Amino acid sequence: MKKFFQEFKDFATRGNVVDLAVGVIIGAAFQKIVTSAVNDLAMPLIGLITGNSNFNDAFFILRLPEGVEAAQVTSLAKATELGVTTFNYGAFISAVIDFVIMAFVIFLMVKALNKASSLAHGKEQAVEEAPATKVCPYCLSEIPAGATRCAHCTADLTAAVDGTKF
């Protein structure tokens, strides 16, 4: 049992699990911001354009129960209260807009992370690609890249054979 709890502790304190938990919490908070932006900013504008006061509550009546007339159904809340079967397209469109905004923001974040990762990876490759050795132009021996004199022929490597800097 002690080993089980130790394994769980190791798992829970591993860096990627903690990062995932932080990401989920930030994502949930960000989702609230996006939902508020859609419901409180975008949907009222769409409602204004379409002539509906609250587009989130836009619906079609599919079936009226006995004794209820269509004129009695003035809002989605009233339809729910009366037991009317409705097709709530306003809430669906709101959810689709919410999803598209979240997907776009996640796309931008992943793109930025990939770019940062590729830049960091590119720098690592550039450092790794620098040769550790060079060839002496006089005796053609392999010598360290930072050498200013050849260890084999003792030639000065600050100037190459043709007079240019080596």
Protein backbone atom coordinates (compact mmCIF):
# COMPACT_ATOMS: atom_id res chain seq x y z
CA MET A 1 0.00 0.00 0.00
CA LYS A 2 2.90 2.34 0.78
CA LYS A 3 4.37 1.68 -2.67
CA PHE A 4 1.00 2.53 -4.27
CA PHE A 5 0.87 5.94 -2.58
CA GLN A 6 4.51 6.61 -3.49
CA GLU A 7 3.75 5.83 -7.14
CA PHE A 8 0.70 8.10 -7.03
CA LYS A 9 2.77 10.89 -5.46
CA ASP A 10 5.43 10.49 -8.17
CA PHE A 11 2.73 10.61 -10.86
CA ALA A 12 0.91 13.61 -9.40
CA THR A 13 4.05 15.67 -8.88
CA ARG A 14 5.50 14.95 -12.30
CA GLY A 15 5.92 18.20 -14.23
CA ASN A 16 3.68 17.39 -17.19
CA VAL A 17 0.74 16.41 -14.94
CA VAL A 18 0.99 19.70 -13.06
CA ASP A 19 1.25 21.58 -16.37
CA LEU A 20 -1.84 19.77 -17.63
CA ALA A 21 -3.79 20.67 -14.49
CA VAL A 22 -2.79 24.32 -14.81
CA GLY A 23 -3.77 24.26 -18.48
CA VAL A 24 -7.20 22.82 -17.71
CA ILE A 25 -7.85 25.43 -15.01
CA ILE A 26 -6.74 28.31 -17.25
CA GLY A 27 -8.76 26.83 -20.13
CA ALA A 28 -11.90 26.68 -17.99
CA ALA A 29 -11.42 30.30 -16.90
CA PHE A 30 -10.78 31.35 -20.50
CA GLN A 31 -13.90 29.45 -21.60
CA LYS A 32 -15.95 31.60 -19.22
CA ILE A 33 -14.50 34.74 -20.82
CA VAL A 34 -15.27 33.51 -24.33
CA THR A 35 -18.79 32.43 -23.35
CA SER A 36 -19.41 35.83 -21.81
CA ALA A 37 -18.05 37.58 -24.91
CA VAL A 38 -20.35 35.53 -27.14
CA ASN A 39 -23.46 35.79 -24.95
CA ASP A 40 -23.02 39.38 -23.76
CA LEU A 41 -21.36 41.03 -26.77
CA ALA A 42 -21.79 39.07 -30.00
CA MET A 43 -25.29 37.63 -29.57
CA PRO A 44 -26.95 40.96 -28.66
CA LEU A 45 -25.46 42.43 -31.86
CA ILE A 46 -26.77 39.48 -33.87
CA GLY A 47 -30.13 39.92 -32.14
CA LEU A 48 -30.13 43.60 -33.08
CA ILE A 49 -29.39 42.75 -36.72
CA THR A 50 -32.03 40.01 -36.88
CA GLY A 51 -34.63 41.99 -34.94
CA ASN A 52 -34.73 39.52 -32.06
CA SER A 53 -34.13 41.05 -28.64
CA ASN A 54 -32.19 38.03 -27.32
CA PHE A 55 -30.84 35.77 -30.03
CA ASN A 56 -29.80 33.11 -27.49
CA ASP A 57 -33.51 32.54 -26.84
CA ALA A 58 -34.47 32.31 -30.52
CA PHE A 59 -36.56 29.19 -31.20
CA PHE A 60 -39.17 27.52 -33.39
CA ILE A 61 -42.22 25.83 -31.95
CA LEU A 62 -42.22 22.16 -32.93
CA ARG A 63 -45.24 20.93 -30.98
CA LEU A 64 -47.80 22.59 -28.75
CA PRO A 65 -49.38 20.62 -25.91
CA GLU A 66 -53.15 20.43 -25.78
CA GLY A 67 -54.78 23.59 -24.50
CA VAL A 68 -51.83 25.85 -25.35
CA GLU A 69 -51.99 28.30 -28.23
CA ALA A 70 -48.99 29.70 -30.11
CA ALA A 71 -49.90 33.23 -29.04
CA GLN A 72 -49.25 32.28 -25.41
CA VAL A 73 -45.63 31.37 -26.18
CA THR A 74 -43.84 34.71 -26.04
CA SER A 75 -40.37 33.57 -24.95
CA LEU A 76 -38.26 30.46 -24.52
CA ALA A 77 -38.79 30.60 -20.76
CA LYS A 78 -42.57 30.75 -21.26
CA ALA A 79 -42.39 27.87 -23.77
CA THR A 80 -40.49 25.77 -21.25
CA GLU A 81 -42.99 26.66 -18.54
CA LEU A 82 -45.92 25.63 -20.77
CA GLY A 83 -44.23 22.38 -21.85
CA VAL A 84 -43.91 23.37 -25.51
CA THR A 85 -41.46 21.36 -27.61
CA THR A 86 -39.05 23.85 -29.19
CA PHE A 87 -36.13 23.90 -31.62
CA ASN A 88 -33.64 26.25 -29.91
CA TYR A 89 -31.51 27.40 -32.83
CA GLY A 90 -30.32 30.57 -31.06
CA ALA A 91 -28.62 28.61 -28.27
CA PHE A 92 -27.09 26.28 -30.86
CA ILE A 93 -25.68 29.13 -32.95
CA SER A 94 -24.31 30.69 -29.77
CA ALA A 95 -22.56 27.41 -28.90
CA VAL A 96 -21.12 27.15 -32.45
CA ILE A 97 -19.75 30.72 -32.26
CA ASP A 98 -18.34 29.90 -28.82
CA PHE A 99 -16.62 26.81 -30.24
CA VAL A 100 -15.21 28.63 -33.27
CA ILE A 101 -13.70 31.37 -31.10
CA MET A 102 -12.17 28.82 -28.70
CA ALA A 103 -10.81 26.72 -31.59
CA PHE A 104 -9.29 29.81 -33.22
CA VAL A 105 -7.63 30.94 -29.99
CA ILE A 106 -6.26 27.44 -29.35
CA PHE A 107 -4.99 27.34 -32.95
CA LEU A 108 -3.17 30.64 -32.43
CA MET A 109 -1.68 29.43 -29.14
CA VAL A 110 -0.46 26.13 -30.64
CA LYS A 111 0.94 27.96 -33.65
CA ALA A 112 2.85 30.36 -31.36
CA LEU A 113 4.16 27.48 -29.23
CA ASN A 114 5.26 25.56 -32.33
CA LYS A 115 7.03 28.63 -33.69
CA ALA A 116 8.80 29.22 -30.37
CA SER A 117 9.75 25.55 -30.23
CA SER A 118 11.08 25.57 -33.79
CA LEU A 119 13.09 28.72 -33.10
CA ALA A 120 14.61 27.15 -30.00
CA HIS A 121 15.21 23.91 -31.88
CA GLY A 122 16.78 25.83 -34.77
CA LYS A 123 19.23 27.53 -32.40
CA GLU A 124 20.17 24.16 -30.91
CA GLN A 125 20.79 22.77 -34.37
CA ALA A 126 22.87 25.80 -35.33
CA VAL A 127 25.03 25.28 -32.25
CA GLU A 128 25.34 21.56 -32.93
CA GLU A 129 26.21 22.10 -36.59
CA ALA A 130 29.30 24.20 -35.80
CA PRO A 131 32.28 21.91 -36.56
CA ALA A 132 34.51 20.98 -33.66
CA THR A 133 37.58 20.66 -35.86
CA LYS A 134 39.14 22.23 -38.94
CA VAL A 135 41.91 21.28 -41.32
CA CYS A 136 45.27 23.06 -41.31
CA PRO A 137 45.76 24.61 -44.78
CA TYR A 138 49.51 23.93 -44.61
CA CYS A 139 49.86 20.31 -43.44
CA LEU A 140 46.21 19.22 -43.86
CA SER A 141 46.10 17.86 -40.30
CA GLU A 142 42.86 17.94 -38.35
CA ILE A 143 43.04 20.46 -35.50
CA PRO A 144 40.55 22.00 -33.03
CA ALA A 145 38.28 24.65 -34.60
CA GLY A 146 39.43 27.38 -32.22
CA ALA A 147 43.17 26.79 -32.74
CA THR A 148 45.30 29.72 -33.94
CA ARG A 149 48.42 27.55 -34.50
CA CYS A 150 48.64 24.08 -35.93
CA ALA A 151 49.76 21.50 -33.35
CA HIS A 152 51.45 19.44 -36.06
CA CYS A 153 53.37 21.98 -38.19
CA THR A 154 53.14 25.02 -35.81
CA ALA A 155 51.89 27.22 -38.65
CA ASP A 156 50.16 30.48 -37.77
CA LEU A 157 46.49 29.95 -38.70
CA THR A 158 45.41 33.57 -38.36
CA ALA A 159 46.23 34.04 -42.05
CA ALA A 160 45.49 31.40 -44.67
CA VAL A 161 47.79 30.36 -47.55
CA ASP A 162 46.37 33.02 -49.88
CA GLY A 163 46.69 35.78 -47.26
CA THR A 164 43.03 35.85 -46.17
CA LYS A 165 41.97 35.13 -42.63
CA PHE A 166 41.54 31.41 -41.98
